[in-house]
Protein backbone atom coordinates (compact mmCIF):
# COMPACT_ATOMS: atom_id res chain seq x y z
CA GLN A 1 -1.71 -19.50 -7.21
CA VAL A 2 -2.36 -16.42 -5.13
CA GLN A 3 -0.05 -13.53 -6.04
CA LEU A 4 0.35 -9.94 -4.98
CA LEU A 5 2.80 -7.88 -6.98
CA GLU A 6 3.67 -4.40 -5.76
CA SER A 7 5.14 -1.78 -8.07
CA GLY A 8 5.78 1.96 -8.31
CA GLY A 9 8.23 2.53 -5.51
CA GLY A 10 11.55 4.30 -5.69
CA LEU A 11 13.49 7.31 -4.49
CA VAL A 12 11.71 10.61 -4.01
CA GLN A 13 12.65 13.92 -2.42
CA PRO A 14 10.91 15.14 0.72
CA GLY A 15 7.62 16.74 -0.18
CA GLY A 16 7.31 14.64 -3.32
CA SER A 17 4.72 12.06 -4.40
CA LEU A 18 4.66 8.43 -5.43
CA SER A 19 1.94 6.07 -6.58
CA LEU A 20 2.05 2.42 -5.66
CA SER A 21 0.10 -0.33 -7.40
CA CYS A 22 -0.56 -3.89 -6.35
CA ALA A 23 -1.70 -6.35 -9.01
CA ALA A 24 -3.49 -9.34 -7.54
CA SER A 25 -4.33 -12.72 -8.96
CA GLY A 26 -5.48 -16.17 -7.87
CA PHE A 27 -8.29 -15.22 -5.52
CA THR A 28 -11.67 -13.48 -5.53
CA PHE A 29 -10.27 -9.98 -5.35
CA HIS A 30 -13.55 -8.11 -4.94
CA SER A 31 -14.49 -10.21 -1.89
CA TYR A 32 -11.60 -9.09 0.28
CA ALA A 33 -10.68 -6.00 2.22
CA LEU A 34 -7.27 -4.90 1.08
CA TYR A 35 -4.43 -3.38 3.08
CA TRP A 36 -1.24 -1.46 2.53
CA LEU A 37 1.34 -1.98 5.25
CA ARG A 38 4.93 -0.86 5.60
CA GLN A 39 8.04 -1.85 7.46
CA ALA A 40 10.85 0.56 8.14
CA PRO A 41 14.34 -0.64 9.08
CA GLY A 42 14.40 -1.83 12.68
CA LYS A 43 10.66 -1.38 13.12
CA ASP A 44 7.63 -3.61 13.13
CA ARG A 45 5.35 -3.82 10.13
CA GLU A 46 2.53 -1.31 10.49
CA LEU A 47 -0.81 -0.75 8.86
CA VAL A 48 -0.87 2.24 6.50
CA ALA A 49 -4.33 2.00 4.94
CA ARG A 50 -7.25 -0.31 4.43
CA ILE A 51 -10.12 -0.37 1.95
CA MET A 52 -13.15 -2.51 2.61
CA THR A 53 -15.24 -4.36 0.03
CA ALA A 54 -18.96 -3.61 -0.13
CA ASP A 55 -19.01 -0.07 1.23
CA GLY A 56 -15.45 0.85 0.29
CA LYS A 57 -14.84 2.25 3.78
CA LEU A 58 -11.33 3.67 4.12
CA THR A 59 -9.07 3.58 7.17
CA TYR A 60 -5.68 5.27 7.53
CA ALA A 61 -2.91 5.37 10.04
CA ASP A 62 -2.80 8.72 11.82
CA SER A 63 0.67 9.34 10.41
CA VAL A 64 -0.57 9.30 6.80
CA LYS A 65 -4.04 10.81 7.10
CA GLY A 66 -4.53 13.63 4.64
CA ARG A 67 -1.44 12.61 2.64
CA PHE A 68 -2.11 9.07 1.40
CA THR A 69 -5.11 7.73 -0.50
CA ILE A 70 -5.94 4.06 -0.96
CA SER A 71 -8.21 2.94 -3.80
CA ARG A 72 -9.09 -0.21 -5.66
CA ASP A 73 -10.20 -1.22 -9.13
CA ASN A 74 -12.04 -4.53 -8.90
CA ALA A 75 -12.18 -4.82 -12.69
CA LYS A 76 -8.39 -4.74 -12.82
CA ASN A 77 -7.76 -6.68 -9.58
CA THR A 78 -5.54 -3.84 -8.47
CA VAL A 79 -5.20 -1.78 -5.33
CA TYR A 80 -3.42 1.55 -5.29
CA LEU A 81 -1.75 3.84 -2.79
CA GLU A 82 -1.29 7.45 -3.74
CA MET A 83 1.30 9.08 -1.48
CA ASN A 84 1.80 12.85 -1.24
CA SER A 85 3.87 15.19 0.93
CA LEU A 86 6.29 12.39 1.61
CA ASN A 87 8.86 12.71 4.38
CA SER A 88 11.74 10.61 5.67
CA ASP A 89 9.44 8.81 8.13
CA ASP A 90 7.67 7.29 5.12
CA THR A 91 10.81 5.44 4.07
CA ALA A 92 9.98 1.75 4.26
CA VAL A 93 9.19 -1.37 2.32
CA TYR A 94 5.50 -1.25 1.41
CA TYR A 95 3.33 -4.33 1.10
CA CYS A 96 -0.19 -4.94 -0.09
CA HIS A 97 -2.08 -7.68 1.68
CA PHE A 98 -5.39 -9.30 2.43
CA GLN A 99 -6.28 -11.32 5.48
CA GLY A 100 -5.13 -14.89 5.12
CA GLY A 101 -3.17 -14.15 2.01
CA PRO A 102 0.53 -14.50 1.29
CA TRP A 103 3.06 -11.73 1.65
CA GLY A 104 4.62 -10.42 -1.54
CA GLN A 105 8.12 -9.08 -1.98
CA GLY A 106 7.08 -5.56 -1.13
CA ILE A 107 8.32 -2.42 -2.78
CA GLN A 108 10.95 -0.03 -1.43
CA VAL A 109 10.04 3.61 -0.96
CA THR A 110 12.88 5.92 0.00
CA VAL A 111 12.35 9.57 0.82
CA SER A 112 15.63 11.43 0.80
CA SER A 113 17.22 14.56 -0.58
């Protein structure tokens, strides 16, 4: 059974940091590009970051460039999202994903004073 389990979200003050993790199981993790996406209230789901497989090429949304870092540990079947300098626009439910895979529950990130 394919599973993606996000963790590490929560409430943080503007300017703060959070680290998200996504533990994967049930598929050949190292063979897939992995994505972090987010969905804010009333908005469409949007791509935040992507990490490829062989060359590890990284892609970021313009809104998070320089603040967020995606990484993966193929030995642990885990993908990470390090988020710094958070602001209220980053408030959303965050999801990890791979193409053709299921959607997990997501994890809430709230940036508020």
